[in-house]
Amino acid sequence: MITKLHLKVIPNGTACQVVGWLGDRLKVKVNVPADKGKANLALRRFLADTLTIPIEQVTIISGLQSAYKIVQIQDLNHNEVIAKLLP
């Protein structure tokens, strides 16, 4: 089972957190700058920790150098992912 999330990622936040919906995308803040992939790694770690899955199950499949990303989550369905990210 694979879930794809459409995200808008905001670097340099005060904490890693899901802020809410921005249209059909989840808006996520990460607490590191968008420098040499640091924000992408922080995003993957945050999602993996929040979803309680290994980081290897979180893959950015589109938007590596953009605020607008598509992330693939393995082994969780869409409803499980949303329930964990937006309790």
PDB file of N, CA and C in Angstrom:
ATOM      1  N   MET A   1       0.844  -1.164   0.000  1.00  0.00           N
ATOM      2  CA  MET A   1       0.000   0.000   0.000  1.00  0.00           C
ATOM      3  C   MET A   1       0.898   1.238   0.000  1.00  0.00           C
ATOM      4  N   ILE A   2       0.561   2.186  -0.854  1.00  0.00           N
ATOM      5  CA  ILE A   2       1.353   3.409  -0.999  1.00  0.00           C
ATOM      6  C   ILE A   2       0.407   4.603  -0.962  1.00  0.00           C
ATOM      7  N   THR A   3       0.787   5.609  -0.195  1.00  0.00           N
ATOM      8  CA  THR A   3       0.030   6.858  -0.122  1.00  0.00           C
ATOM      9  C   THR A   3       0.910   7.980  -0.632  1.00  0.00           C
ATOM     10  N   LYS A   4       0.333   8.848  -1.456  1.00  0.00           N
ATOM     11  CA  LYS A   4       1.047  10.029  -1.935  1.00  0.00           C
ATOM     12  C   LYS A   4       0.445  11.262  -1.290  1.00  0.00           C
ATOM     13  N   LEU A   5       1.319  12.083  -0.734  1.00  0.00           N
ATOM     14  CA  LEU A   5       0.906  13.335  -0.109  1.00  0.00           C
ATOM     15  C   LEU A   5       1.426  14.501  -0.925  1.00  0.00           C
ATOM     16  N   HIS A   6       0.581  15.466  -1.144  1.00  0.00           N
ATOM     17  CA  HIS A   6       0.978  16.716  -1.787  1.00  0.00           C
ATOM     18  C   HIS A   6       1.182  17.735  -0.669  1.00  0.00           C
ATOM     19  N   LEU A   7       2.394  18.278  -0.604  1.00  0.00           N
ATOM     20  CA  LEU A   7       2.769  19.154   0.506  1.00  0.00           C
ATOM     21  C   LEU A   7       3.271  20.496   0.017  1.00  0.00           C
ATOM     22  N   LYS A   8       3.123  21.508   0.864  1.00  0.00           N
ATOM     23  CA  LYS A   8       3.881  22.743   0.725  1.00  0.00           C
ATOM     24  C   LYS A   8       4.751  22.804   1.965  1.00  0.00           C
ATOM     25  N   VAL A   9       6.058  22.843   1.772  1.00  0.00           N
ATOM     26  CA  VAL A   9       7.007  22.794   2.884  1.00  0.00           C
ATOM     27  C   VAL A   9       7.631  24.174   3.073  1.00  0.00           C
ATOM     28  N   ILE A  10       7.590  24.638   4.313  1.00  0.00           N
ATOM     29  CA  ILE A  10       8.136  25.935   4.676  1.00  0.00           C
ATOM     30  C   ILE A  10       9.370  25.703   5.553  1.00  0.00           C
ATOM     31  N   PRO A  11      10.576  26.055   5.066  1.00  0.00           N
ATOM     32  CA  PRO A  11      11.787  25.886   5.873  1.00  0.00           C
ATOM     33  C   PRO A  11      11.920  27.001   6.908  1.00  0.00           C
ATOM     34  N   ASN A  12      12.881  26.836   7.815  1.00  0.00           N
ATOM     35  CA  ASN A  12      13.217  27.831   8.844  1.00  0.00           C
ATOM     36  C   ASN A  12      12.095  28.096   9.838  1.00  0.00           C
ATOM     37  N   GLY A  13      11.245  27.127  10.077  1.00  0.00           N
ATOM     38  CA  GLY A  13      10.204  27.285  11.086  1.00  0.00           C
ATOM     39  C   GLY A  13      10.785  27.139  12.484  1.00  0.00           C
ATOM     40  N   THR A  14       9.971  27.433  13.482  1.00  0.00           N
ATOM     41  CA  THR A  14      10.433  27.293  14.859  1.00  0.00           C
ATOM     42  C   THR A  14      10.418  25.835  15.309  1.00  0.00           C
ATOM     43  N   ALA A  15       9.628  25.008  14.620  1.00  0.00           N
ATOM     44  CA  ALA A  15       9.542  23.582  14.934  1.00  0.00           C
ATOM     45  C   ALA A  15       9.064  22.847  13.690  1.00  0.00           C
ATOM     46  N   CYS A  16       9.241  21.537  13.677  1.00  0.00           N
ATOM     47  CA  CYS A  16       8.666  20.723  12.609  1.00  0.00           C
ATOM     48  C   CYS A  16       7.218  20.438  12.998  1.00  0.00           C
ATOM     49  N   GLN A  17       6.307  20.827  12.123  1.00  0.00           N
ATOM     50  CA  GLN A  17       4.896  20.642  12.439  1.00  0.00           C
ATOM     51  C   GLN A  17       4.034  20.757  11.195  1.00  0.00           C
ATOM     52  N   VAL A  18       2.886  20.089  11.244  1.00  0.00           N
ATOM     53  CA  VAL A  18       1.874  20.247  10.208  1.00  0.00           C
ATOM     54  C   VAL A  18       1.023  21.436  10.622  1.00  0.00           C
ATOM     55  N   VAL A  19       0.906  22.401   9.720  1.00  0.00           N
ATOM     56  CA  VAL A  19       0.173  23.622  10.019  1.00  0.00           C
ATOM     57  C   VAL A  19      -1.307  23.472   9.663  1.00  0.00           C
ATOM     58  N   GLY A  20      -1.607  22.712   8.623  1.00  0.00           N
ATOM     59  CA  GLY A  20      -2.992  22.534   8.186  1.00  0.00           C
ATOM     60  C   GLY A  20      -3.049  22.403   6.681  1.00  0.00           C
ATOM     61  N   TRP A  21      -4.218  22.608   6.146  1.00  0.00           N
ATOM     62  CA  TRP A  21      -4.427  22.474   4.703  1.00  0.00           C
ATOM     63  C   TRP A  21      -4.204  23.801   4.012  1.00  0.00           C
ATOM     64  N   LEU A  22      -3.643  23.740   2.825  1.00  0.00           N
ATOM     65  CA  LEU A  22      -3.510  24.873   1.927  1.00  0.00           C
ATOM     66  C   LEU A  22      -4.068  24.398   0.603  1.00  0.00           C
ATOM     67  N   GLY A  23      -5.357  24.578   0.394  1.00  0.00           N
ATOM     68  CA  GLY A  23      -6.027  23.988  -0.760  1.00  0.00           C
ATOM     69  C   GLY A  23      -6.034  22.482  -0.599  1.00  0.00           C
ATOM     70  N   ASP A  24      -5.476  21.769  -1.585  1.00  0.00           N
ATOM     71  CA  ASP A  24      -5.426  20.303  -1.522  1.00  0.00           C
ATOM     72  C   ASP A  24      -4.081  19.790  -1.005  1.00  0.00           C
ATOM     73  N   ARG A  25      -3.256  20.682  -0.499  1.00  0.00           N
ATOM     74  CA  ARG A  25      -1.933  20.309   0.016  1.00  0.00           C
ATOM     75  C   ARG A  25      -1.878  20.501   1.530  1.00  0.00           C
ATOM     76  N   LEU A  26      -1.101  19.650   2.174  1.00  0.00           N
ATOM     77  CA  LEU A  26      -0.799  19.866   3.577  1.00  0.00           C
ATOM     78  C   LEU A  26       0.372  20.833   3.668  1.00  0.00           C
ATOM     79  N   LYS A  27       0.261  21.795   4.555  1.00  0.00           N
ATOM     80  CA  LYS A  27       1.341  22.748   4.770  1.00  0.00           C
ATOM     81  C   LYS A  27       2.143  22.265   5.979  1.00  0.00           C
ATOM     82  N   VAL A  28       3.454  22.095   5.776  1.00  0.00           N
ATOM     83  CA  VAL A  28       4.337  21.562   6.806  1.00  0.00           C
ATOM     84  C   VAL A  28       5.509  22.514   6.991  1.00  0.00           C
ATOM     85  N   LYS A  29       5.803  22.836   8.248  1.00  0.00           N
ATOM     86  CA  LYS A  29       6.984  23.641   8.560  1.00  0.00           C
ATOM     87  C   LYS A  29       8.082  22.719   9.063  1.00  0.00           C
ATOM     88  N   VAL A  30       9.315  23.011   8.652  1.00  0.00           N
ATOM     89  CA  VAL A  30      10.480  22.300   9.188  1.00  0.00           C
ATOM     90  C   VAL A  30      11.417  23.337   9.795  1.00  0.00           C
ATOM     91  N   ASN A  31      12.184  22.924  10.797  1.00  0.00           N
ATOM     92  CA  ASN A  31      12.995  23.872  11.571  1.00  0.00           C
ATOM     93  C   ASN A  31      14.437  23.987  11.101  1.00  0.00           C
ATOM     94  N   VAL A  32      14.665  23.752   9.826  1.00  0.00           N
ATOM     95  CA  VAL A  32      16.009  23.897   9.251  1.00  0.00           C
ATOM     96  C   VAL A  32      15.904  24.667   7.941  1.00  0.00           C
ATOM     97  N   PRO A  33      17.007  25.244   7.480  1.00  0.00           N
ATOM     98  CA  PRO A  33      16.974  25.977   6.217  1.00  0.00           C
ATOM     99  C   PRO A  33      16.936  25.039   5.010  1.00  0.00           C
ATOM    100  N   ALA A  34      16.492  25.574   3.911  1.00  0.00           N
ATOM    101  CA  ALA A  34      16.498  24.830   2.646  1.00  0.00           C
ATOM    102  C   ALA A  34      17.892  24.957   2.035  1.00  0.00           C
ATOM    103  N   ASP A  35      18.827  24.234   2.591  1.00  0.00           N
ATOM    104  CA  ASP A  35      20.225  24.330   2.183  1.00  0.00           C
ATOM    105  C   ASP A  35      20.796  22.933   2.002  1.00  0.00           C
ATOM    106  N   LYS A  36      21.168  22.595   0.784  1.00  0.00           N
ATOM    107  CA  LYS A  36      21.821  21.321   0.473  1.00  0.00           C
ATOM    108  C   LYS A  36      21.029  20.110   0.953  1.00  0.00           C
ATOM    109  N   GLY A  37      19.706  20.160   0.820  1.00  0.00           N
ATOM    110  CA  GLY A  37      18.872  19.020   1.154  1.00  0.00           C
ATOM    111  C   GLY A  37      18.520  18.875   2.623  1.00  0.00           C
ATOM    112  N   LYS A  38      18.932  19.831   3.458  1.00  0.00           N
ATOM    113  CA  LYS A  38      18.656  19.728   4.896  1.00  0.00           C
ATOM    114  C   LYS A  38      17.156  19.739   5.198  1.00  0.00           C
ATOM    115  N   ALA A  39      16.411  20.590   4.504  1.00  0.00           N
ATOM    116  CA  ALA A  39      14.963  20.660   4.741  1.00  0.00           C
ATOM    117  C   ALA A  39      14.275  19.375   4.277  1.00  0.00           C
ATOM    118  N   ASN A  40      14.736  18.809   3.176  1.00  0.00           N
ATOM    119  CA  ASN A  40      14.147  17.545   2.695  1.00  0.00           C
ATOM    120  C   ASN A  40      14.376  16.418   3.700  1.00  0.00           C
ATOM    121  N   LEU A  41      15.573  16.337   4.237  1.00  0.00           N
ATOM    122  CA  LEU A  41      15.868  15.305   5.229  1.00  0.00           C
ATOM    123  C   LEU A  41      15.053  15.526   6.506  1.00  0.00           C
ATOM    124  N   ALA A  42      14.952  16.780   6.933  1.00  0.00           N
ATOM    125  CA  ALA A  42      14.151  17.092   8.123  1.00  0.00           C
ATOM    126  C   ALA A  42      12.688  16.723   7.896  1.00  0.00           C
ATOM    127  N   LEU A  43      12.179  16.983   6.702  1.00  0.00           N
ATOM    128  CA  LEU A  43      10.801  16.622   6.374  1.00  0.00           C
ATOM    129  C   LEU A  43      10.611  15.114   6.454  1.00  0.00           C
ATOM    130  N   ARG A  44      11.518  14.355   5.849  1.00  0.00           N
ATOM    131  CA  ARG A  44      11.403  12.895   5.876  1.00  0.00           C
ATOM    132  C   ARG A  44      11.466  12.367   7.307  1.00  0.00           C
ATOM    133  N   ARG A  45      12.381  12.895   8.108  1.00  0.00           N
ATOM    134  CA  ARG A  45      12.496  12.464   9.516  1.00  0.00           C
ATOM    135  C   ARG A  45      11.227  12.795  10.297  1.00  0.00           C
ATOM    136  N   PHE A  46      10.733  14.011  10.117  1.00  0.00           N
ATOM    137  CA  PHE A  46       9.525  14.424  10.821  1.00  0.00           C
ATOM    138  C   PHE A  46       8.346  13.522  10.458  1.00  0.00           C
ATOM    139  N   LEU A  47       8.155  13.281   9.170  1.00  0.00           N
ATOM    140  CA  LEU A  47       7.038  12.427   8.747  1.00  0.00           C
ATOM    141  C   LEU A  47       7.202  11.010   9.283  1.00  0.00           C
ATOM    142  N   ALA A  48       8.405  10.467   9.185  1.00  0.00           N
ATOM    143  CA  ALA A  48       8.648   9.102   9.675  1.00  0.00           C
ATOM    144  C   ALA A  48       8.388   9.013  11.178  1.00  0.00           C
ATOM    145  N   ASP A  49       8.890   9.972  11.938  1.00  0.00           N
ATOM    146  CA  ASP A  49       8.684   9.963  13.389  1.00  0.00           C
ATOM    147  C   ASP A  49       7.204  10.102  13.739  1.00  0.00           C
ATOM    148  N   THR A  50       6.520  11.018  13.078  1.00  0.00           N
ATOM    149  CA  THR A  50       5.105  11.261  13.364  1.00  0.00           C
ATOM    150  C   THR A  50       4.249  10.063  12.979  1.00  0.00           C
ATOM    151  N   LEU A  51       4.601   9.421  11.873  1.00  0.00           N
ATOM    152  CA  LEU A  51       3.830   8.266  11.398  1.00  0.00           C
ATOM    153  C   LEU A  51       4.304   6.958  12.026  1.00  0.00           C
ATOM    154  N   THR A  52       5.346   7.016  12.816  1.00  0.00           N
ATOM    155  CA  THR A  52       5.987   5.853  13.460  1.00  0.00           C
ATOM    156  C   THR A  52       6.337   4.756  12.457  1.00  0.00           C
ATOM    157  N   ILE A  53       7.052   5.174  11.425  1.00  0.00           N
ATOM    158  CA  ILE A  53       7.552   4.255  10.404  1.00  0.00           C
ATOM    159  C   ILE A  53       9.026   4.567  10.170  1.00  0.00           C
ATOM    160  N   PRO A  54       9.767   3.628   9.582  1.00  0.00           N
ATOM    161  CA  PRO A  54      11.172   3.913   9.262  1.00  0.00           C
ATOM    162  C   PRO A  54      11.281   5.006   8.192  1.00  0.00           C
ATOM    163  N   ILE A  55      12.331   5.795   8.274  1.00  0.00           N
ATOM    164  CA  ILE A  55      12.529   6.886   7.323  1.00  0.00           C
ATOM    165  C   ILE A  55      12.610   6.371   5.884  1.00  0.00           C
ATOM    166  N   GLU A  56      13.038   5.139   5.697  1.00  0.00           N
ATOM    167  CA  GLU A  56      13.141   4.559   4.357  1.00  0.00           C
ATOM    168  C   GLU A  56      11.774   4.421   3.682  1.00  0.00           C
ATOM    169  N   GLN A  57      10.701   4.477   4.455  1.00  0.00           N
ATOM    170  CA  GLN A  57       9.353   4.361   3.905  1.00  0.00           C
ATOM    171  C   GLN A  57       8.784   5.719   3.481  1.00  0.00           C
ATOM    172  N   VAL A  58       9.587   6.773   3.638  1.00  0.00           N
ATOM    173  CA  VAL A  58       9.172   8.126   3.248  1.00  0.00           C
ATOM    174  C   VAL A  58      10.104   8.591   2.130  1.00  0.00           C
ATOM    175  N   THR A  59       9.536   8.816   0.951  1.00  0.00           N
ATOM    176  CA  THR A  59      10.336   9.202  -0.208  1.00  0.00           C
ATOM    177  C   THR A  59       9.754  10.454  -0.855  1.00  0.00           C
ATOM    178  N   ILE A  60      10.602  11.427  -1.122  1.00  0.00           N
ATOM    179  CA  ILE A  60      10.158  12.604  -1.872  1.00  0.00           C
ATOM    180  C   ILE A  60      10.280  12.247  -3.343  1.00  0.00           C
ATOM    181  N   ILE A  61       9.157  12.159  -4.032  1.00  0.00           N
ATOM    182  CA  ILE A  61       9.183  11.721  -5.431  1.00  0.00           C
ATOM    183  C   ILE A  61       9.083  12.883  -6.410  1.00  0.00           C
ATOM    184  N   SER A  62       8.775  14.072  -5.910  1.00  0.00           N
ATOM    185  CA  SER A  62       8.704  15.247  -6.774  1.00  0.00           C
ATOM    186  C   SER A  62       8.927  16.493  -5.931  1.00  0.00           C
ATOM    187  N   GLY A  63       9.672  17.456  -6.477  1.00  0.00           N
ATOM    188  CA  GLY A  63       9.859  18.732  -5.809  1.00  0.00           C
ATOM    189  C   GLY A  63      11.045  18.819  -4.879  1.00  0.00           C
ATOM    190  N   LEU A  64      12.104  18.089  -5.182  1.00  0.00           N
ATOM    191  CA  LEU A  64      13.282  18.116  -4.304  1.00  0.00           C
ATOM    192  C   LEU A  64      13.828  19.523  -4.091  1.00  0.00           C
ATOM    193  N   GLN A  65      13.699  20.395  -5.081  1.00  0.00           N
ATOM    194  CA  GLN A  65      14.223  21.758  -4.963  1.00  0.00           C
ATOM    195  C   GLN A  65      13.100  22.793  -4.970  1.00  0.00           C
ATOM    196  N   SER A  66      11.930  22.380  -4.522  1.00  0.00           N
ATOM    197  CA  SER A  66      10.765  23.243  -4.532  1.00  0.00           C
ATOM    198  C   SER A  66      10.051  23.158  -3.186  1.00  0.00           C
ATOM    199  N   ALA A  67       9.270  24.173  -2.873  1.00  0.00           N
ATOM    200  CA  ALA A  67       8.435  24.125  -1.669  1.00  0.00           C
ATOM    201  C   ALA A  67       7.269  23.167  -1.870  1.00  0.00           C
ATOM    202  N   TYR A  68       6.894  22.948  -3.124  1.00  0.00           N
ATOM    203  CA  TYR A  68       5.774  22.058  -3.446  1.00  0.00           C
ATOM    204  C   TYR A  68       6.312  20.674  -3.738  1.00  0.00           C
ATOM    205  N   LYS A  69       5.956  19.722  -2.894  1.00  0.00           N
ATOM    206  CA  LYS A  69       6.517  18.382  -2.982  1.00  0.00           C
ATOM    207  C   LYS A  69       5.422  17.333  -3.036  1.00  0.00           C
ATOM    208  N   ILE A  70       5.770  16.195  -3.609  1.00  0.00           N
ATOM    209  CA  ILE A  70       4.933  15.003  -3.508  1.00  0.00           C
ATOM    210  C   ILE A  70       5.776  13.969  -2.786  1.00  0.00           C
ATOM    211  N   VAL A  71       5.209  13.470  -1.686  1.00  0.00           N
ATOM    212  CA  VAL A  71       5.900  12.504  -0.843  1.00  0.00           C
ATOM    213  C   VAL A  71       5.133  11.192  -0.887  1.00  0.00           C
ATOM    214  N   GLN A  72       5.883  10.123  -1.017  1.00  0.00           N
ATOM    215  CA  GLN A  72       5.298   8.779  -1.036  1.00  0.00           C
ATOM    216  C   GLN A  72       5.539   8.110   0.312  1.00  0.00           C
ATOM    217  N   ILE A  73       4.453   7.592   0.900  1.00  0.00           N
ATOM    218  CA  ILE A  73       4.510   6.895   2.183  1.00  0.00           C
ATOM    219  C   ILE A  73       4.148   5.439   1.939  1.00  0.00           C
ATOM    220  N   GLN A  74       5.012   4.525   2.335  1.00  0.00           N
ATOM    221  CA  GLN A  74       4.756   3.095   2.149  1.00  0.00           C
ATOM    222  C   GLN A  74       4.110   2.491   3.386  1.00  0.00           C
ATOM    223  N   ASP A  75       3.246   1.540   3.147  1.00  0.00           N
ATOM    224  CA  ASP A  75       2.637   0.684   4.178  1.00  0.00           C
ATOM    225  C   ASP A  75       1.592   1.358   5.059  1.00  0.00           C
ATOM    226  N   LEU A  76       1.130   2.544   4.700  1.00  0.00           N
ATOM    227  CA  LEU A  76       0.019   3.188   5.395  1.00  0.00           C
ATOM    228  C   LEU A  76      -0.959   3.709   4.346  1.00  0.00           C
ATOM    229  N   ASN A  77      -2.265   3.578   4.631  1.00  0.00           N
ATOM    230  CA  ASN A  77      -3.221   4.133   3.672  1.00  0.00           C
ATOM    231  C   ASN A  77      -3.434   5.622   3.966  1.00  0.00           C
ATOM    232  N   HIS A  78      -4.091   6.283   3.045  1.00  0.00           N
ATOM    233  CA  HIS A  78      -4.262   7.735   3.122  1.00  0.00           C
ATOM    234  C   HIS A  78      -4.948   8.158   4.424  1.00  0.00           C
ATOM    235  N   ASN A  79      -5.988   7.461   4.812  1.00  0.00           N
ATOM    236  CA  ASN A  79      -6.721   7.815   6.026  1.00  0.00           C
ATOM    237  C   ASN A  79      -5.845   7.675   7.271  1.00  0.00           C
ATOM    238  N   GLU A  80      -5.017   6.645   7.332  1.00  0.00           N
ATOM    239  CA  GLU A  80      -4.102   6.464   8.467  1.00  0.00           C
ATOM    240  C   GLU A  80      -3.097   7.610   8.546  1.00  0.00           C
ATOM    241  N   VAL A  81      -2.559   7.980   7.387  1.00  0.00           N
ATOM    242  CA  VAL A  81      -1.566   9.056   7.324  1.00  0.00           C
ATOM    243  C   VAL A  81      -2.174  10.366   7.810  1.00  0.00           C
ATOM    244  N   ILE A  82      -3.328  10.722   7.289  1.00  0.00           N
ATOM    245  CA  ILE A  82      -3.975  11.980   7.666  1.00  0.00           C
ATOM    246  C   ILE A  82      -4.346  11.973   9.148  1.00  0.00           C
ATOM    247  N   ALA A  83      -4.849  10.862   9.639  1.00  0.00           N
ATOM    248  CA  ALA A  83      -5.235  10.769  11.062  1.00  0.00           C
ATOM    249  C   ALA A  83      -4.032  10.981  11.982  1.00  0.00           C
ATOM    250  N   LYS A  84      -2.861  10.508  11.580  1.00  0.00           N
ATOM    251  CA  LYS A  84      -1.665  10.659  12.405  1.00  0.00           C
ATOM    252  C   LYS A  84      -1.061  12.067  12.286  1.00  0.00           C
ATOM    253  N   LEU A  85      -1.176  12.660  11.104  1.00  0.00           N
ATOM    254  CA  LEU A  85      -0.593  13.983  10.900  1.00  0.00           C
ATOM    255  C   LEU A  85      -1.480  15.104  11.422  1.00  0.00           C
ATOM    256  N   LEU A  86      -2.793  14.886  11.366  1.00  0.00           N
ATOM    257  CA  LEU A  86      -3.760  15.895  11.836  1.00  0.00           C
ATOM    258  C   LEU A  86      -4.692  15.279  12.861  1.00  0.00           C
ATOM    259  N   PRO A  87      -4.196  15.005  14.065  1.00  0.00           N
ATOM    260  CA  PRO A  87      -5.041  14.322  15.067  1.00  0.00           C
ATOM    261  C   PRO A  87      -6.201  15.190  15.539  1.00  0.00           C
TER     262      PRO A  87
END
